[in-house]
Amino acid sequence: MEMYGLYRLKEQMNEENALNFIYERAKEIFQYDYEKVGLDKDFGVSKIAVYEQSGKLKIEMPRLAIVGVGIKLST
């Protein structure tokens, strides 16, 4: 919640409702069609995945980002 600057939602609603609201919005936003953007379909999860592993709750969230830009100048 704090990572994305959404801490003020706790002021508007209780913490549980704020977390549920954030989770529902995140499920809508963080989903990708990897093949459509030119990546292998096994690049990673295409939408938020929640599962249990070794007795702990895990969440995996996809994220695409531009990590670099290059310009080739003619000489």
PDB file of N, CA and C in Angstrom:
ATOM      1  N   MET A   1       0.828  -1.176   0.000  1.00  0.00           N
ATOM      2  CA  MET A   1       0.000   0.000   0.000  1.00  0.00           C
ATOM      3  C   MET A   1       0.882   1.253   0.000  1.00  0.00           C
ATOM      4  N   GLU A   2       1.866   1.285   0.865  1.00  0.00           N
ATOM      5  CA  GLU A   2       2.745   2.449   0.944  1.00  0.00           C
ATOM      6  C   GLU A   2       3.640   2.553  -0.284  1.00  0.00           C
ATOM      7  N   MET A   3       4.013   1.400  -0.859  1.00  0.00           N
ATOM      8  CA  MET A   3       4.916   1.384  -2.004  1.00  0.00           C
ATOM      9  C   MET A   3       4.355   2.184  -3.179  1.00  0.00           C
ATOM     10  N   TYR A   4       3.054   2.148  -3.354  1.00  0.00           N
ATOM     11  CA  TYR A   4       2.429   2.847  -4.468  1.00  0.00           C
ATOM     12  C   TYR A   4       1.751   4.149  -4.038  1.00  0.00           C
ATOM     13  N   GLY A   5       2.007   4.617  -2.836  1.00  0.00           N
ATOM     14  CA  GLY A   5       1.441   5.874  -2.372  1.00  0.00           C
ATOM     15  C   GLY A   5      -0.045   5.817  -2.114  1.00  0.00           C
ATOM     16  N   LEU A   6      -0.557   4.650  -1.803  1.00  0.00           N
ATOM     17  CA  LEU A   6      -1.991   4.476  -1.594  1.00  0.00           C
ATOM     18  C   LEU A   6      -2.384   4.429  -0.121  1.00  0.00           C
ATOM     19  N   TYR A   7      -1.484   4.837   0.740  1.00  0.00           N
ATOM     20  CA  TYR A   7      -1.722   4.777   2.179  1.00  0.00           C
ATOM     21  C   TYR A   7      -2.913   5.628   2.616  1.00  0.00           C
ATOM     22  N   ARG A   8      -3.265   6.640   1.846  1.00  0.00           N
ATOM     23  CA  ARG A   8      -4.398   7.495   2.234  1.00  0.00           C
ATOM     24  C   ARG A   8      -5.735   6.774   2.121  1.00  0.00           C
ATOM     25  N   LEU A   9      -5.751   5.670   1.380  1.00  0.00           N
ATOM     26  CA  LEU A   9      -6.986   4.885   1.322  1.00  0.00           C
ATOM     27  C   LEU A   9      -7.386   4.395   2.707  1.00  0.00           C
ATOM     28  N   LYS A  10      -6.386   4.128   3.566  1.00  0.00           N
ATOM     29  CA  LYS A  10      -6.694   3.698   4.939  1.00  0.00           C
ATOM     30  C   LYS A  10      -7.451   4.777   5.697  1.00  0.00           C
ATOM     31  N   GLU A  11      -7.221   6.047   5.336  1.00  0.00           N
ATOM     32  CA  GLU A  11      -7.922   7.142   5.994  1.00  0.00           C
ATOM     33  C   GLU A  11      -9.384   7.206   5.531  1.00  0.00           C
ATOM     34  N   GLN A  12      -9.643   6.777   4.295  1.00  0.00           N
ATOM     35  CA  GLN A  12     -10.981   6.844   3.730  1.00  0.00           C
ATOM     36  C   GLN A  12     -11.810   5.605   4.027  1.00  0.00           C
ATOM     37  N   MET A  13     -11.163   4.485   4.230  1.00  0.00           N
ATOM     38  CA  MET A  13     -11.847   3.222   4.520  1.00  0.00           C
ATOM     39  C   MET A  13     -10.961   2.437   5.470  1.00  0.00           C
ATOM     40  N   ASN A  14     -11.472   1.422   6.111  1.00  0.00           N
ATOM     41  CA  ASN A  14     -10.601   0.662   7.015  1.00  0.00           C
ATOM     42  C   ASN A  14      -9.537  -0.098   6.218  1.00  0.00           C
ATOM     43  N   GLU A  15      -8.534  -0.582   6.915  1.00  0.00           N
ATOM     44  CA  GLU A  15      -7.387  -1.200   6.244  1.00  0.00           C
ATOM     45  C   GLU A  15      -7.795  -2.404   5.396  1.00  0.00           C
ATOM     46  N   GLU A  16      -8.663  -3.256   5.914  1.00  0.00           N
ATOM     47  CA  GLU A  16      -9.076  -4.445   5.155  1.00  0.00           C
ATOM     48  C   GLU A  16      -9.773  -4.048   3.849  1.00  0.00           C
ATOM     49  N   ASN A  17     -10.670  -3.082   3.902  1.00  0.00           N
ATOM     50  CA  ASN A  17     -11.352  -2.637   2.685  1.00  0.00           C
ATOM     51  C   ASN A  17     -10.386  -1.969   1.722  1.00  0.00           C
ATOM     52  N   ALA A  18      -9.430  -1.214   2.243  1.00  0.00           N
ATOM     53  CA  ALA A  18      -8.427  -0.573   1.394  1.00  0.00           C
ATOM     54  C   ALA A  18      -7.587  -1.629   0.676  1.00  0.00           C
ATOM     55  N   LEU A  19      -7.169  -2.648   1.402  1.00  0.00           N
ATOM     56  CA  LEU A  19      -6.360  -3.707   0.787  1.00  0.00           C
ATOM     57  C   LEU A  19      -7.159  -4.473  -0.260  1.00  0.00           C
ATOM     58  N   ASN A  20      -8.423  -4.754   0.014  1.00  0.00           N
ATOM     59  CA  ASN A  20      -9.274  -5.431  -0.967  1.00  0.00           C
ATOM     60  C   ASN A  20      -9.465  -4.571  -2.217  1.00  0.00           C
ATOM     61  N   PHE A  21      -9.680  -3.279  -2.018  1.00  0.00           N
ATOM     62  CA  PHE A  21      -9.836  -2.349  -3.137  1.00  0.00           C
ATOM     63  C   PHE A  21      -8.586  -2.347  -4.009  1.00  0.00           C
ATOM     64  N   ILE A  22      -7.420  -2.251  -3.382  1.00  0.00           N
ATOM     65  CA  ILE A  22      -6.148  -2.239  -4.108  1.00  0.00           C
ATOM     66  C   ILE A  22      -5.951  -3.542  -4.869  1.00  0.00           C
ATOM     67  N   TYR A  23      -6.241  -4.669  -4.219  1.00  0.00           N
ATOM     68  CA  TYR A  23      -6.072  -5.977  -4.871  1.00  0.00           C
ATOM     69  C   TYR A  23      -6.970  -6.093  -6.101  1.00  0.00           C
ATOM     70  N   GLU A  24      -8.211  -5.662  -5.997  1.00  0.00           N
ATOM     71  CA  GLU A  24      -9.126  -5.745  -7.136  1.00  0.00           C
ATOM     72  C   GLU A  24      -8.653  -4.860  -8.286  1.00  0.00           C
ATOM     73  N   ARG A  25      -8.169  -3.668  -7.997  1.00  0.00           N
ATOM     74  CA  ARG A  25      -7.645  -2.794  -9.058  1.00  0.00           C
ATOM     75  C   ARG A  25      -6.382  -3.404  -9.663  1.00  0.00           C
ATOM     76  N   ALA A  26      -5.511  -3.969  -8.828  1.00  0.00           N
ATOM     77  CA  ALA A  26      -4.268  -4.572  -9.325  1.00  0.00           C
ATOM     78  C   ALA A  26      -4.571  -5.733 -10.272  1.00  0.00           C
ATOM     79  N   LYS A  27      -5.589  -6.535  -9.955  1.00  0.00           N
ATOM     80  CA  LYS A  27      -5.954  -7.651 -10.842  1.00  0.00           C
ATOM     81  C   LYS A  27      -6.385  -7.143 -12.207  1.00  0.00           C
ATOM     82  N   GLU A  28      -7.028  -5.987 -12.260  1.00  0.00           N
ATOM     83  CA  GLU A  28      -7.454  -5.415 -13.536  1.00  0.00           C
ATOM     84  C   GLU A  28      -6.263  -4.854 -14.319  1.00  0.00           C
ATOM     85  N   ILE A  29      -5.319  -4.258 -13.625  1.00  0.00           N
ATOM     86  CA  ILE A  29      -4.216  -3.545 -14.274  1.00  0.00           C
ATOM     87  C   ILE A  29      -3.071  -4.475 -14.664  1.00  0.00           C
ATOM     88  N   PHE A  30      -2.638  -5.331 -13.756  1.00  0.00           N
ATOM     89  CA  PHE A  30      -1.446  -6.153 -13.981  1.00  0.00           C
ATOM     90  C   PHE A  30      -1.803  -7.469 -14.658  1.00  0.00           C
ATOM     91  N   GLN A  31      -2.142  -7.386 -15.943  1.00  0.00           N
ATOM     92  CA  GLN A  31      -2.332  -8.579 -16.755  1.00  0.00           C
ATOM     93  C   GLN A  31      -1.880  -8.260 -18.174  1.00  0.00           C
ATOM     94  N   TYR A  32      -1.156  -9.189 -18.751  1.00  0.00           N
ATOM     95  CA  TYR A  32      -0.535  -8.942 -20.044  1.00  0.00           C
ATOM     96  C   TYR A  32      -0.736 -10.120 -20.984  1.00  0.00           C
ATOM     97  N   ASP A  33      -0.843  -9.806 -22.252  1.00  0.00           N
ATOM     98  CA  ASP A  33      -0.825 -10.803 -23.310  1.00  0.00           C
ATOM     99  C   ASP A  33       0.593 -10.747 -23.881  1.00  0.00           C
ATOM    100  N   TYR A  34       1.460 -11.592 -23.348  1.00  0.00           N
ATOM    101  CA  TYR A  34       2.879 -11.528 -23.697  1.00  0.00           C
ATOM    102  C   TYR A  34       3.126 -11.700 -25.197  1.00  0.00           C
ATOM    103  N   GLU A  35       2.406 -12.616 -25.827  1.00  0.00           N
ATOM    104  CA  GLU A  35       2.611 -12.824 -27.258  1.00  0.00           C
ATOM    105  C   GLU A  35       2.262 -11.570 -28.045  1.00  0.00           C
ATOM    106  N   LYS A  36       1.261 -10.844 -27.603  1.00  0.00           N
ATOM    107  CA  LYS A  36       0.833  -9.622 -28.283  1.00  0.00           C
ATOM    108  C   LYS A  36       1.914  -8.533 -28.231  1.00  0.00           C
ATOM    109  N   VAL A  37       2.721  -8.527 -27.170  1.00  0.00           N
ATOM    110  CA  VAL A  37       3.790  -7.537 -27.059  1.00  0.00           C
ATOM    111  C   VAL A  37       5.149  -8.095 -27.485  1.00  0.00           C
ATOM    112  N   GLY A  38       5.131  -9.286 -28.111  1.00  0.00           N
ATOM    113  CA  GLY A  38       6.349  -9.842 -28.683  1.00  0.00           C
ATOM    114  C   GLY A  38       7.214 -10.652 -27.739  1.00  0.00           C
ATOM    115  N   LEU A  39       6.642 -11.148 -26.641  1.00  0.00           N
ATOM    116  CA  LEU A  39       7.401 -11.973 -25.695  1.00  0.00           C
ATOM    117  C   LEU A  39       6.867 -13.397 -25.691  1.00  0.00           C
ATOM    118  N   ASP A  40       7.723 -14.350 -25.295  1.00  0.00           N
ATOM    119  CA  ASP A  40       7.281 -15.735 -25.176  1.00  0.00           C
ATOM    120  C   ASP A  40       6.154 -15.836 -24.165  1.00  0.00           C
ATOM    121  N   LYS A  41       5.206 -16.741 -24.419  1.00  0.00           N
ATOM    122  CA  LYS A  41       4.084 -16.875 -23.500  1.00  0.00           C
ATOM    123  C   LYS A  41       4.524 -17.414 -22.146  1.00  0.00           C
ATOM    124  N   ASP A  42       5.693 -18.048 -22.077  1.00  0.00           N
ATOM    125  CA  ASP A  42       6.190 -18.551 -20.795  1.00  0.00           C
ATOM    126  C   ASP A  42       7.145 -17.554 -20.126  1.00  0.00           C
ATOM    127  N   PHE A  43       7.017 -16.282 -20.478  1.00  0.00           N
ATOM    128  CA  PHE A  43       7.855 -15.229 -19.908  1.00  0.00           C
ATOM    129  C   PHE A  43       7.662 -15.132 -18.400  1.00  0.00           C
ATOM    130  N   GLY A  44       6.514 -15.463 -17.911  1.00  0.00           N
ATOM    131  CA  GLY A  44       6.164 -15.397 -16.491  1.00  0.00           C
ATOM    132  C   GLY A  44       4.665 -15.401 -16.375  1.00  0.00           C
ATOM    133  N   VAL A  45       4.160 -15.168 -15.187  1.00  0.00           N
ATOM    134  CA  VAL A  45       2.709 -15.139 -15.034  1.00  0.00           C
ATOM    135  C   VAL A  45       2.144 -13.962 -15.831  1.00  0.00           C
ATOM    136  N   SER A  46       0.994 -14.183 -16.437  1.00  0.00           N
ATOM    137  CA  SER A  46       0.385 -13.125 -17.239  1.00  0.00           C
ATOM    138  C   SER A  46      -0.605 -12.294 -16.435  1.00  0.00           C
ATOM    139  N   LYS A  47      -0.939 -12.783 -15.249  1.00  0.00           N
ATOM    140  CA  LYS A  47      -1.806 -12.034 -14.338  1.00  0.00           C
ATOM    141  C   LYS A  47      -1.421 -12.398 -12.913  1.00  0.00           C
ATOM    142  N   ILE A  48      -1.934 -11.681 -11.956  1.00  0.00           N
ATOM    143  CA  ILE A  48      -1.579 -11.923 -10.556  1.00  0.00           C
ATOM    144  C   ILE A  48      -1.929 -13.355 -10.169  1.00  0.00           C
ATOM    145  N   ALA A  49      -0.977 -14.032  -9.561  1.00  0.00           N
ATOM    146  CA  ALA A  49      -1.173 -15.405  -9.094  1.00  0.00           C
ATOM    147  C   ALA A  49      -0.897 -15.463  -7.593  1.00  0.00           C
ATOM    148  N   VAL A  50      -1.816 -16.038  -6.858  1.00  0.00           N
ATOM    149  CA  VAL A  50      -1.667 -16.207  -5.409  1.00  0.00           C
ATOM    150  C   VAL A  50      -1.698 -17.702  -5.129  1.00  0.00           C
ATOM    151  N   TYR A  51      -0.701 -18.199  -4.403  1.00  0.00           N
ATOM    152  CA  TYR A  51      -0.627 -19.624  -4.102  1.00  0.00           C
ATOM    153  C   TYR A  51       0.132 -19.852  -2.805  1.00  0.00           C
ATOM    154  N   GLU A  52       0.029 -21.065  -2.310  1.00  0.00           N
ATOM    155  CA  GLU A  52       0.752 -21.425  -1.095  1.00  0.00           C
ATOM    156  C   GLU A  52       1.973 -22.252  -1.481  1.00  0.00           C
ATOM    157  N   GLN A  53       3.089 -21.937  -0.847  1.00  0.00           N
ATOM    158  CA  GLN A  53       4.334 -22.659  -1.106  1.00  0.00           C
ATOM    159  C   GLN A  53       5.077 -22.798   0.215  1.00  0.00           C
ATOM    160  N   SER A  54       5.388 -24.016   0.572  1.00  0.00           N
ATOM    161  CA  SER A  54       6.108 -24.305   1.816  1.00  0.00           C
ATOM    162  C   SER A  54       5.402 -23.694   3.032  1.00  0.00           C
ATOM    163  N   GLY A  55       4.081 -23.749   3.028  1.00  0.00           N
ATOM    164  CA  GLY A  55       3.307 -23.248   4.154  1.00  0.00           C
ATOM    165  C   GLY A  55       3.183 -21.736   4.219  1.00  0.00           C
ATOM    166  N   LYS A  56       3.654 -21.037   3.182  1.00  0.00           N
ATOM    167  CA  LYS A  56       3.571 -19.575   3.156  1.00  0.00           C
ATOM    168  C   LYS A  56       2.759 -19.134   1.938  1.00  0.00           C
ATOM    169  N   LEU A  57       2.027 -18.057   2.098  1.00  0.00           N
ATOM    170  CA  LEU A  57       1.254 -17.496   1.006  1.00  0.00           C
ATOM    171  C   LEU A  57       2.179 -16.680   0.112  1.00  0.00           C
ATOM    172  N   LYS A  58       2.151 -16.947  -1.172  1.00  0.00           N
ATOM    173  CA  LYS A  58       3.004 -16.250  -2.139  1.00  0.00           C
ATOM    174  C   LYS A  58       2.126 -15.535  -3.150  1.00  0.00           C
ATOM    175  N   ILE A  59       2.603 -14.405  -3.628  1.00  0.00           N
ATOM    176  CA  ILE A  59       1.924 -13.692  -4.698  1.00  0.00           C
ATOM    177  C   ILE A  59       2.958 -13.357  -5.756  1.00  0.00           C
ATOM    178  N   GLU A  60       2.594 -13.615  -7.002  1.00  0.00           N
ATOM    179  CA  GLU A  60       3.471 -13.305  -8.123  1.00  0.00           C
ATOM    180  C   GLU A  60       2.706 -12.351  -9.028  1.00  0.00           C
ATOM    181  N   MET A  61       3.355 -11.263  -9.405  1.00  0.00           N
ATOM    182  CA  MET A  61       2.695 -10.231 -10.170  1.00  0.00           C
ATOM    183  C   MET A  61       3.523  -9.919 -11.410  1.00  0.00           C
ATOM    184  N   PRO A  62       2.893  -9.912 -12.580  1.00  0.00           N
ATOM    185  CA  PRO A  62       3.650  -9.584 -13.789  1.00  0.00           C
ATOM    186  C   PRO A  62       3.938  -8.088 -13.864  1.00  0.00           C
ATOM    187  N   ARG A  63       5.003  -7.755 -14.536  1.00  0.00           N
ATOM    188  CA  ARG A  63       5.319  -6.346 -14.714  1.00  0.00           C
ATOM    189  C   ARG A  63       6.196  -6.193 -15.939  1.00  0.00           C
ATOM    190  N   LEU A  64       5.788  -5.322 -16.823  1.00  0.00           N
ATOM    191  CA  LEU A  64       6.594  -4.998 -17.991  1.00  0.00           C
ATOM    192  C   LEU A  64       7.109  -3.579 -17.826  1.00  0.00           C
ATOM    193  N   ALA A  65       8.331  -3.358 -18.215  1.00  0.00           N
ATOM    194  CA  ALA A  65       8.903  -2.015 -18.091  1.00  0.00           C
ATOM    195  C   ALA A  65       9.946  -1.805 -19.187  1.00  0.00           C
ATOM    196  N   ILE A  66      10.059  -0.588 -19.630  1.00  0.00           N
ATOM    197  CA  ILE A  66      11.152  -0.226 -20.545  1.00  0.00           C
ATOM    198  C   ILE A  66      12.389  -0.042 -19.687  1.00  0.00           C
ATOM    199  N   VAL A  67      13.445  -0.773 -20.001  1.00  0.00           N
ATOM    200  CA  VAL A  67      14.651  -0.688 -19.179  1.00  0.00           C
ATOM    201  C   VAL A  67      15.798   0.025 -19.879  1.00  0.00           C
ATOM    202  N   GLY A  68      15.595   0.374 -21.126  1.00  0.00           N
ATOM    203  CA  GLY A  68      16.649   1.084 -21.809  1.00  0.00           C
ATOM    204  C   GLY A  68      16.204   1.588 -23.165  1.00  0.00           C
ATOM    205  N   VAL A  69      16.848   2.616 -23.643  1.00  0.00           N
ATOM    206  CA  VAL A  69      16.569   3.190 -24.950  1.00  0.00           C
ATOM    207  C   VAL A  69      17.901   3.471 -25.610  1.00  0.00           C
ATOM    208  N   GLY A  70      17.987   3.166 -26.884  1.00  0.00           N
ATOM    209  CA  GLY A  70      19.222   3.445 -27.599  1.00  0.00           C
ATOM    210  C   GLY A  70      18.951   4.241 -28.869  1.00  0.00           C
ATOM    211  N   ILE A  71      19.891   5.077 -29.246  1.00  0.00           N
ATOM    212  CA  ILE A  71      19.789   5.867 -30.467  1.00  0.00           C
ATOM    213  C   ILE A  71      21.077   5.654 -31.248  1.00  0.00           C
ATOM    214  N   LYS A  72      20.915   5.296 -32.506  1.00  0.00           N
ATOM    215  CA  LYS A  72      22.084   5.135 -33.360  1.00  0.00           C
ATOM    216  C   LYS A  72      22.189   6.369 -34.254  1.00  0.00           C
ATOM    217  N   LEU A  73      23.272   7.086 -34.124  1.00  0.00           N
ATOM    218  CA  LEU A  73      23.503   8.280 -34.930  1.00  0.00           C
ATOM    219  C   LEU A  73      24.257   7.891 -36.184  1.00  0.00           C
ATOM    220  N   SER A  74      23.845   8.461 -37.285  1.00  0.00           N
ATOM    221  CA  SER A  74      24.569   8.179 -38.529  1.00  0.00           C
ATOM    222  C   SER A  74      25.884   8.964 -38.523  1.00  0.00           C
ATOM    223  N   THR A  75      26.912   8.335 -39.084  1.00  0.00           N
ATOM    224  CA  THR A  75      28.222   9.020 -39.110  1.00  0.00           C
ATOM    225  C   THR A  75      28.658   9.345 -40.504  1.00  0.00           C
TER     226      THR A  75
END
